[in-house]
Protein backbone atom coordinates (compact mmCIF):
# COMPACT_ATOMS: atom_id res chain seq x y z
CA UNK A 1 -26.72 -22.47 -20.54
CA UNK A 2 -24.43 -19.89 -22.14
CA UNK A 3 -20.89 -20.12 -23.41
CA UNK A 4 -18.40 -19.07 -20.74
CA UNK A 5 -15.32 -17.49 -22.28
CA UNK A 6 -11.85 -17.77 -20.75
CA UNK A 7 -10.05 -14.47 -21.30
CA UNK A 8 -6.35 -13.73 -20.94
CA UNK A 9 -5.50 -10.69 -18.77
CA UNK A 10 -4.27 -8.74 -21.78
CA UNK A 11 -5.53 -5.34 -22.94
CA UNK A 12 -7.89 -7.02 -25.40
CA UNK A 13 -9.09 -9.57 -22.82
CA UNK A 14 -9.79 -6.86 -20.25
CA UNK A 15 -11.56 -4.74 -22.88
CA UNK A 16 -13.76 -7.72 -23.80
CA UNK A 17 -14.56 -8.31 -20.13
CA UNK A 18 -15.49 -4.65 -19.64
CA UNK A 19 -17.76 -4.81 -22.71
CA UNK A 20 -19.55 -7.86 -21.28
CA UNK A 21 -20.06 -6.07 -17.96
CA UNK A 22 -21.40 -2.93 -19.66
CA UNK A 23 -23.90 -5.18 -21.48
CA UNK A 24 -25.18 -6.50 -18.14
CA UNK A 25 -23.17 -9.74 -18.20
CA UNK A 26 -21.18 -11.41 -15.45
CA UNK A 27 -17.40 -11.78 -15.46
CA UNK A 28 -15.26 -13.62 -12.92
CA UNK A 29 -11.94 -11.93 -12.22
CA UNK A 30 -8.95 -12.48 -9.93
CA UNK A 31 -8.29 -10.47 -6.82
CA UNK A 32 -5.45 -10.98 -4.36
CA UNK A 33 -7.90 -12.89 -2.11
CA UNK A 34 -10.14 -15.11 -4.30
CA UNK A 35 -11.83 -14.83 -7.70
CA UNK A 36 -14.84 -12.52 -7.63
CA UNK A 37 -17.99 -12.77 -9.75
CA UNK A 38 -18.43 -9.25 -11.08
CA UNK A 39 -21.55 -7.49 -12.26
CA UNK A 40 -22.54 -3.84 -12.60
CA UNK A 41 -23.51 -2.82 -9.05
CA UNK A 42 -25.87 -0.16 -10.46
CA UNK A 43 -27.96 -2.66 -12.44
CA UNK A 44 -30.77 -4.61 -10.79
CA UNK A 45 -30.64 -7.17 -13.61
CA UNK A 46 -26.88 -7.70 -13.37
CA UNK A 47 -26.94 -8.02 -9.57
CA UNK A 48 -29.95 -10.35 -9.72
CA UNK A 49 -27.92 -12.38 -12.22
CA UNK A 50 -25.13 -12.76 -9.65
CA UNK A 51 -27.56 -14.13 -7.07
CA UNK A 52 -29.08 -16.46 -9.66
CA UNK A 53 -25.75 -17.78 -10.98
CA UNK A 54 -24.49 -18.49 -7.47
CA UNK A 55 -27.78 -19.63 -5.95
CA UNK A 56 -27.07 -17.03 -3.25
CA UNK A 57 -29.69 -15.97 -0.67
CA UNK A 58 -30.82 -12.42 -1.44
CA UNK A 59 -30.68 -11.36 2.22
CA UNK A 60 -26.88 -11.75 2.02
CA UNK A 61 -25.27 -8.42 0.96
CA UNK A 62 -22.50 -8.08 -1.64
CA UNK A 63 -19.15 -6.28 -1.65
CA UNK A 64 -18.73 -3.43 -4.13
CA UNK A 65 -15.27 -3.28 -5.72
CA UNK A 66 -13.80 0.08 -6.73
CA UNK A 67 -10.43 1.29 -8.05
CA UNK A 68 -9.57 3.78 -5.30
CA UNK A 69 -10.74 5.74 -2.26
CA UNK A 70 -11.98 8.65 -4.36
CA UNK A 71 -14.37 6.33 -6.21
CA UNK A 72 -15.45 4.69 -2.92
CA UNK A 73 -16.46 8.06 -1.45
CA UNK A 74 -19.11 8.31 -4.18
CA UNK A 75 -21.09 5.50 -2.55
CA UNK A 76 -20.52 5.71 1.22
CA UNK A 77 -20.12 8.23 4.02
CA UNK A 78 -16.49 8.28 5.18
CA UNK A 79 -15.52 9.61 8.60
CA UNK A 80 -11.93 10.76 9.24
CA UNK A 81 -11.32 7.38 10.92
CA UNK A 82 -12.65 5.50 7.87
CA UNK A 83 -10.41 7.53 5.56
CA UNK A 84 -7.41 6.80 7.76
CA UNK A 85 -8.12 3.05 7.70
CA UNK A 86 -8.62 3.12 3.94
CA UNK A 87 -5.38 5.03 3.47
CA UNK A 88 -3.52 2.46 5.56
CA UNK A 89 -4.90 -0.73 3.98
CA UNK A 90 -6.22 0.10 0.49
CA UNK A 91 -5.63 -1.22 -2.04
CA UNK A 92 -5.64 -4.57 -0.28
CA UNK A 93 -7.68 -7.38 1.30
CA UNK A 94 -9.86 -5.19 3.54
CA UNK A 95 -13.58 -4.44 3.13
CA UNK A 96 -15.15 -1.50 4.96
CA UNK A 97 -18.86 -1.46 5.86
CA UNK A 98 -20.00 2.16 5.99
CA UNK A 99 -23.24 4.16 5.92
CA UNK A 100 -24.69 4.31 2.44
CA UNK A 101 -24.52 7.74 0.81
CA UNK A 102 -27.99 8.85 -0.28
CA UNK A 103 -29.34 9.18 -2.87
CA UNK A 104 -27.65 5.98 -4.01
CA UNK A 105 -27.30 4.76 -7.58
CA UNK A 106 -26.41 1.25 -6.39
CA UNK A 107 -28.97 -1.50 -6.84
CA UNK A 108 -30.72 -2.12 -3.50
CA UNK A 109 -30.02 -5.83 -4.07
CA UNK A 110 -26.34 -5.08 -3.39
CA UNK A 111 -27.02 -3.91 0.17
CA UNK A 112 -29.85 -6.41 0.84
CA UNK A 113 -31.97 -3.41 1.82
CA UNK A 114 -29.58 -2.26 4.57
CA UNK A 115 -28.53 1.34 5.10
CA UNK A 116 -24.86 0.34 4.92
CA UNK A 117 -22.65 -0.76 2.03
CA UNK A 118 -19.53 -2.97 1.91
CA UNK A 119 -16.70 -1.48 -0.17
CA UNK A 120 -13.26 -2.77 -1.18
CA UNK A 121 -10.35 -1.56 -3.31
CA UNK A 122 -8.50 -4.68 -4.53
CA UNK A 123 -4.75 -4.67 -5.10
CA UNK A 124 -4.59 -7.29 -7.86
CA UNK A 125 -3.38 -5.62 -11.09
CA UNK A 126 -5.94 -7.47 -13.24
CA UNK A 127 -8.77 -6.39 -10.94
CA UNK A 128 -7.48 -2.82 -11.03
CA UNK A 129 -7.25 -2.85 -14.84
CA UNK A 130 -10.78 -4.23 -15.17
CA UNK A 131 -12.26 -1.68 -12.74
CA UNK A 132 -10.64 1.20 -14.62
CA UNK A 133 -11.67 -0.17 -18.01
CA UNK A 134 -15.26 -0.69 -16.83
CA UNK A 135 -15.26 2.69 -15.03
CA UNK A 136 -17.96 1.81 -12.54
CA UNK A 137 -18.70 -0.12 -9.33
CA UNK A 138 -18.58 -3.91 -9.53
CA UNK A 139 -20.56 -6.05 -7.12
CA UNK A 140 -18.43 -9.16 -6.74
CA UNK A 141 -18.94 -12.00 -4.27
CA UNK A 142 -16.70 -15.05 -4.60
CA UNK A 143 -17.12 -16.75 -7.98
CA UNK A 144 -18.53 -20.09 -6.83
CA UNK A 145 -21.93 -21.67 -6.11
CA UNK A 146 -23.19 -20.22 -2.84
CA UNK A 147 -21.94 -21.96 0.28
CA UNK A 148 -19.29 -23.97 -1.55
CA UNK A 149 -15.51 -23.71 -1.55
CA UNK A 150 -14.20 -20.34 -2.76
CA UNK A 151 -12.15 -20.25 -5.98
CA UNK A 152 -8.49 -19.27 -6.06
CA UNK A 153 -7.86 -20.30 -9.69
CA UNK A 154 -9.77 -19.81 -12.93
CA UNK A 155 -10.31 -23.58 -13.19
CA UNK A 156 -12.13 -23.50 -9.83
CA UNK A 157 -14.52 -20.87 -11.22
CA UNK A 158 -15.27 -22.96 -14.29
CA UNK A 159 -15.84 -26.06 -12.14
CA UNK A 160 -18.80 -24.34 -10.47
CA UNK A 161 -20.08 -21.67 -12.85
CA UNK A 162 -19.29 -22.70 -16.44
CA UNK A 163 -22.41 -22.16 -18.55
CA UNK A 164 -23.86 -19.64 -16.07
CA UNK A 165 -21.59 -16.60 -16.57
CA UNK A 166 -20.18 -14.71 -19.54
CA UNK A 167 -16.46 -15.06 -18.93
CA UNK A 168 -13.60 -15.61 -16.52
CA UNK A 169 -10.44 -13.50 -16.66
CA UNK A 170 -7.60 -15.94 -15.96
CA UNK A 171 -5.08 -14.18 -13.77
CA UNK A 172 -3.48 -17.28 -12.27
CA UNK A 173 -3.55 -18.28 -8.61
CA UNK A 174 -4.65 -15.80 -5.93
CA UNK A 175 -1.80 -14.81 -3.60
CA UNK A 176 -3.72 -14.34 -0.32
CA UNK A 177 -6.21 -17.18 -0.77
CA UNK A 178 -8.80 -16.23 1.89
CA UNK A 179 -11.41 -13.52 1.48
CA UNK A 180 -10.96 -9.96 2.68
CA UNK A 181 -11.22 -8.94 6.30
CA UNK A 182 -14.48 -7.04 6.84
CA UNK A 183 -14.43 -4.10 9.26
CA UNK A 184 -17.66 -2.36 10.22
CA UNK A 185 -17.27 1.38 10.78
CA UNK A 186 -20.90 2.50 10.74
CA UNK A 187 -21.22 2.58 14.56
CA UNK A 188 -17.66 2.29 15.80
CA UNK A 189 -15.09 -0.32 14.73
CA UNK A 190 -16.28 -3.95 14.78
CA UNK A 191 -14.79 -7.02 13.15
CA UNK A 192 -17.44 -8.58 10.91
CA UNK A 193 -15.21 -11.21 9.28
CA UNK A 194 -11.53 -12.12 9.75
CA UNK A 195 -9.63 -12.34 6.49
CA UNK A 196 -6.60 -11.26 4.51
CA UNK A 197 -5.63 -8.36 6.79
CA UNK A 198 -4.69 -9.78 10.22
CA UNK A 199 -6.86 -8.50 13.05
CA UNK A 200 -3.71 -7.55 14.96
CA UNK A 201 -2.73 -5.12 12.19
CA UNK A 202 -6.12 -3.40 12.35
CA UNK A 203 -6.03 -3.20 16.14
CA UNK A 204 -2.54 -1.67 16.03
CA UNK A 205 -3.65 0.95 13.52
CA UNK A 206 -6.88 1.78 15.38
CA UNK A 207 -5.27 1.71 18.81
CA UNK A 208 -7.99 -0.51 20.28
CA UNK A 209 -9.12 -4.10 20.54
CA UNK A 210 -11.84 -5.11 18.08
CA UNK A 211 -15.07 -6.74 19.16
CA UNK A 212 -16.59 -9.28 16.78
CA UNK A 213 -20.03 -8.72 15.30
CA UNK A 214 -22.40 -10.11 12.70
CA UNK A 215 -25.53 -12.24 12.63
CA UNK A 216 -25.77 -15.48 10.66
CA UNK A 217 -29.56 -15.11 10.44
CA UNK A 218 -29.48 -11.47 9.29
CA UNK A 219 -26.03 -10.85 7.79
CA UNK A 220 -24.73 -7.28 7.80
CA UNK A 221 -21.82 -8.28 5.57
CA UNK A 222 -20.84 -11.23 3.37
CA UNK A 223 -19.34 -14.39 4.83
CA UNK A 224 -21.42 -14.47 8.03
CA UNK A 225 -23.61 -17.50 7.27
CA UNK A 226 -22.96 -20.30 9.75
CA UNK A 227 -22.45 -22.93 7.03
CA UNK A 228 -20.23 -21.73 4.23
CA UNK A 229 -17.25 -22.86 2.12
CA UNK A 230 -18.73 -26.35 2.36
CA UNK A 231 -17.22 -29.36 0.58
CA UNK A 232 -19.33 -32.45 -0.17
CA UNK A 233 -17.43 -34.55 2.40
CA UNK A 234 -17.73 -34.10 6.13
CA UNK A 235 -15.09 -31.98 7.88
CA UNK A 236 -13.47 -32.51 11.28
CA UNK A 237 -11.14 -29.93 12.83
CA UNK A 238 -8.21 -29.88 15.25
CA UNK A 239 -7.24 -33.46 14.36
CA UNK A 240 -3.82 -34.77 15.36
CA UNK A 241 -4.68 -38.47 14.94
CA UNK A 242 -7.00 -38.99 11.96
CA UNK A 243 -9.23 -41.97 11.42
CA UNK A 244 -7.97 -44.45 8.78
CA UNK A 245 -10.61 -43.45 6.22
CA UNK A 246 -10.16 -39.68 6.63
CA UNK A 247 -8.22 -37.48 4.23
CA UNK A 248 -5.87 -35.68 6.60
CA UNK A 249 -4.79 -32.12 5.78
CA UNK A 250 -1.76 -31.25 7.87
CA UNK A 251 -0.16 -28.05 9.09
CA UNK A 252 3.42 -27.76 10.27
CA UNK A 253 6.03 -30.36 11.06
CA UNK A 254 3.83 -32.40 13.42
CA UNK A 255 1.57 -33.69 10.63
CA UNK A 256 3.82 -36.47 9.38
CA UNK A 257 1.84 -38.79 7.13
CA UNK A 258 -0.78 -36.21 6.10
CA UNK A 259 -1.93 -36.73 2.51
CA UNK A 260 -2.12 -32.96 2.00
CA UNK A 261 -0.70 -29.99 3.88
CA UNK A 262 -1.63 -26.34 4.18
CA UNK A 263 2.02 -25.60 4.95
CA UNK A 264 4.62 -28.17 5.95
CA UNK A 265 6.76 -25.42 7.48
CA UNK A 266 3.85 -23.97 9.50
CA UNK A 267 3.75 -20.70 7.53
CA UNK A 268 0.33 -19.05 7.96
CA UNK A 269 0.66 -16.94 4.79
CA UNK A 270 1.39 -20.08 2.76
CA UNK A 271 -1.47 -21.89 4.51
CA UNK A 272 -4.00 -19.14 3.73
CA UNK A 273 -3.02 -19.16 0.05
CA UNK A 274 -3.37 -22.96 -0.10
CA UNK A 275 -6.55 -23.33 1.99
CA UNK A 276 -9.31 -23.47 -0.63
CA UNK A 277 -7.23 -25.44 -3.13
CA UNK A 278 -6.43 -28.03 -0.42
CA UNK A 279 -10.09 -28.14 0.61
CA UNK A 280 -11.12 -28.84 -2.99
CA UNK A 281 -8.46 -31.52 -3.48
CA UNK A 282 -9.28 -33.21 -0.17
CA UNK A 283 -12.98 -33.20 -1.11
CA UNK A 284 -12.20 -34.82 -4.45
CA UNK A 285 -10.12 -37.53 -2.77
CA UNK A 286 -12.68 -38.16 -0.02
CA UNK A 287 -15.80 -38.27 -2.21
CA UNK A 288 -19.33 -37.22 -1.19
CA UNK A 289 -19.64 -39.81 1.58
CA UNK A 290 -16.08 -39.40 2.83
CA UNK A 291 -14.46 -37.34 5.55
CA UNK A 292 -11.73 -34.72 5.76
CA UNK A 293 -9.67 -34.03 8.88
CA UNK A 294 -7.71 -30.81 9.38
CA UNK A 295 -4.74 -30.50 11.72
CA UNK A 296 -4.83 -27.64 14.26
CA UNK A 297 -3.96 -24.17 12.99
CA UNK A 298 -2.87 -21.46 15.47
CA UNK A 299 -5.52 -18.85 16.29
CA UNK A 300 -3.31 -15.87 15.45
CA UNK A 301 -2.60 -13.63 12.46
CA UNK A 302 -3.99 -15.17 9.29
CA UNK A 303 -4.73 -18.28 11.36
CA UNK A 304 -7.89 -16.54 12.58
CA UNK A 305 -9.20 -16.24 9.01
CA UNK A 306 -8.18 -19.83 8.18
CA UNK A 307 -9.95 -21.18 11.26
CA UNK A 308 -13.04 -19.06 10.57
CA UNK A 309 -13.34 -20.60 7.11
CA UNK A 310 -12.71 -24.11 8.42
CA UNK A 311 -15.34 -23.77 11.16
CA UNK A 312 -17.92 -22.69 8.58
CA UNK A 313 -16.88 -25.56 6.28
CA UNK A 314 -17.42 -27.99 9.16
CA UNK A 315 -20.74 -26.50 10.33
CA UNK A 316 -23.99 -28.47 9.89
CA UNK A 317 -25.34 -27.99 6.38
CA UNK A 318 -28.75 -26.35 5.83
CA UNK A 319 -31.52 -28.84 5.16
């Protein structure tokens, strides 16, 4: 066990975080989506430390966070289409999976031995300040034990990782609340994970419908494991009439009597921001042997990302 510092997002706090990262330590930091667990993406020891702290399978690749497109082009091969997508959506909640530029200085643990790399330019000002102070690529999966509910507040990070990481930069609550959309561009556009950028926005920009890809057994990008974001309690979806013992999480005006709600007005942006916090609170109320029921959420816009996370939360847990 090590002492986990809580750092304010001031100049001195960010400088301390950058120093810890340069020394090979791990620092959790806020992005607009969820808190990420950052480590130097060039260091085998730092990246191995991320996998160890999270208990994450090493066949599951990591996202590399960078301050801008110019920095991203150091690590991946960008086609004109990839540059156009990056220009349209970066900085923001979009990850691009692109061919790795060789020779690569990234740890091979980051890519799980694949010939592609997942890159993102976050918009959160604290993330941007940290990336520029560190002046290097940060591998940063969500800052929680692997497979569990993603953190959208510093307290969530400490709940799962206190004593395992060097520090958490407390930047308040995350505005988007679900992880980034992942778009594969190595062999033509393919949606690898719905997330903070609605699929409809990508399809409009690309001028084509997006097929879905990914393999839970051999992930090509993060967030593809069948069981993920799992609370301790069981999860049931699409519930309009919960059982008496279930903790019911509502959505919209038709969930009268729900103990919790993603959005009482039916706002998908509000629901995405509240998702993981509601999942944590419902899990605490239900207890390990309890059950959580979620009201239906429309399969459109950010609803696709919300439903993706809920389906993985409800999936059978690995033995």
